[in-house]
Amino acid sequence: EKKITEFRAELSRWNDRVSQYVVGDDFTMADIIFFPVLAFTVRLGLNIANYKALNKYYKMLKQRPSVSSNWPPHWENSKDKTFFKDI
């Protein structure tokens, strides 16, 4: 329970940090590093709907040509990926 609380606090910090991108108005190496981690946690069941800025960021980056053309096809149909479901 302590780790879940800490993870939620970390998500809140990132939610407060993200504006258009992780660092300001330009796509940078910070986004290249951060986005795959966020995308993987979403794939494993994290619901980011309550984190408005992260949700907007996730949806925006997922539409980038460089991301959408390299999106792992098996991620779209992942089943039973519920590791982060209750967070």
Protein backbone atom coordinates (compact mmCIF):
# COMPACT_ATOMS: atom_id res chain seq x y z
CA GLU A 1 0.00 0.00 0.00
CA LYS A 2 2.89 2.36 0.77
CA LYS A 3 4.41 1.82 -2.69
CA ILE A 4 1.05 2.42 -4.36
CA THR A 5 0.65 5.67 -2.43
CA GLU A 6 4.16 6.73 -3.46
CA PHE A 7 3.47 5.83 -7.10
CA ARG A 8 0.27 7.88 -7.09
CA ALA A 9 2.19 10.81 -5.61
CA GLU A 10 4.80 10.45 -8.36
CA LEU A 11 2.08 10.39 -11.02
CA SER A 12 0.63 13.57 -9.52
CA ARG A 13 4.04 15.26 -9.65
CA TRP A 14 4.43 14.35 -13.31
CA ASN A 15 0.88 15.42 -14.01
CA ASP A 16 1.68 18.83 -12.51
CA ARG A 17 4.97 18.99 -14.45
CA VAL A 18 3.75 18.20 -17.95
CA SER A 19 2.47 21.14 -19.94
CA GLN A 20 2.60 20.60 -23.66
CA TYR A 21 5.70 18.44 -23.33
CA VAL A 22 7.78 17.33 -20.35
CA VAL A 23 10.05 20.36 -20.64
CA GLY A 24 8.16 23.31 -22.07
CA ASP A 25 6.74 23.73 -25.54
CA ASP A 26 9.20 21.63 -27.55
CA PHE A 27 9.60 17.90 -28.02
CA THR A 28 12.96 16.98 -26.44
CA MET A 29 15.01 14.02 -25.27
CA ALA A 30 13.05 14.22 -22.03
CA ASP A 31 9.92 13.17 -23.94
CA ILE A 32 11.80 10.44 -25.78
CA ILE A 33 12.78 8.99 -22.40
CA PHE A 34 9.57 9.65 -20.45
CA PHE A 35 6.87 8.71 -22.97
CA PRO A 36 7.80 5.01 -23.39
CA VAL A 37 7.66 4.55 -19.62
CA LEU A 38 4.23 6.18 -19.46
CA ALA A 39 3.00 4.19 -22.47
CA PHE A 40 4.20 0.92 -20.97
CA THR A 41 2.41 1.58 -17.67
CA VAL A 42 -0.77 2.38 -19.61
CA ARG A 43 -0.33 -0.87 -21.53
CA LEU A 44 -0.11 -2.67 -18.19
CA GLY A 45 -3.43 -1.25 -17.07
CA LEU A 46 -2.71 2.19 -15.61
CA ASN A 47 -5.77 4.40 -16.03
CA ILE A 48 -4.48 7.94 -16.50
CA ALA A 49 -7.91 9.49 -17.04
CA ASN A 50 -7.75 11.17 -13.63
CA TYR A 51 -4.38 12.71 -14.51
CA LYS A 52 -5.65 15.24 -17.04
CA ALA A 53 -2.27 16.61 -18.19
CA LEU A 54 -0.69 13.16 -18.49
CA ASN A 55 -3.73 11.86 -20.35
CA LYS A 56 -3.62 14.77 -22.81
CA TYR A 57 0.15 14.32 -23.23
CA TYR A 58 -0.22 10.56 -23.80
CA LYS A 59 -2.92 11.02 -26.44
CA MET A 60 -0.99 13.78 -28.19
CA LEU A 61 2.29 11.86 -28.36
CA LYS A 62 0.59 8.65 -29.40
CA GLN A 63 -0.59 10.52 -32.53
CA ARG A 64 2.91 11.72 -33.48
CA PRO A 65 3.98 10.06 -36.74
CA SER A 66 7.24 8.86 -35.16
CA VAL A 67 5.30 7.18 -32.35
CA SER A 68 2.30 5.83 -34.24
CA SER A 69 4.44 4.31 -36.99
CA ASN A 70 6.56 2.49 -34.40
CA TRP A 71 3.81 1.50 -31.97
CA PRO A 72 4.13 -2.22 -31.16
CA PRO A 73 1.12 -3.84 -32.86
CA HIS A 74 0.60 -6.34 -30.05
CA TRP A 75 0.09 -3.44 -27.60
CA GLU A 76 -3.26 -2.60 -29.20
CA ASN A 77 -4.66 -6.03 -28.45
CA SER A 78 -3.01 -6.72 -25.11
CA LYS A 79 -5.18 -8.81 -22.83
CA ASP A 80 -4.92 -9.44 -19.13
CA LYS A 81 -2.45 -6.60 -18.68
CA THR A 82 -3.66 -5.51 -15.28
CA PHE A 83 -0.49 -4.96 -13.26
CA PHE A 84 -1.30 -1.24 -12.74
CA LYS A 85 -5.08 -1.62 -12.92
CA ASP A 86 -5.79 -0.66 -9.28
CA ILE A 87 -3.56 2.40 -9.15
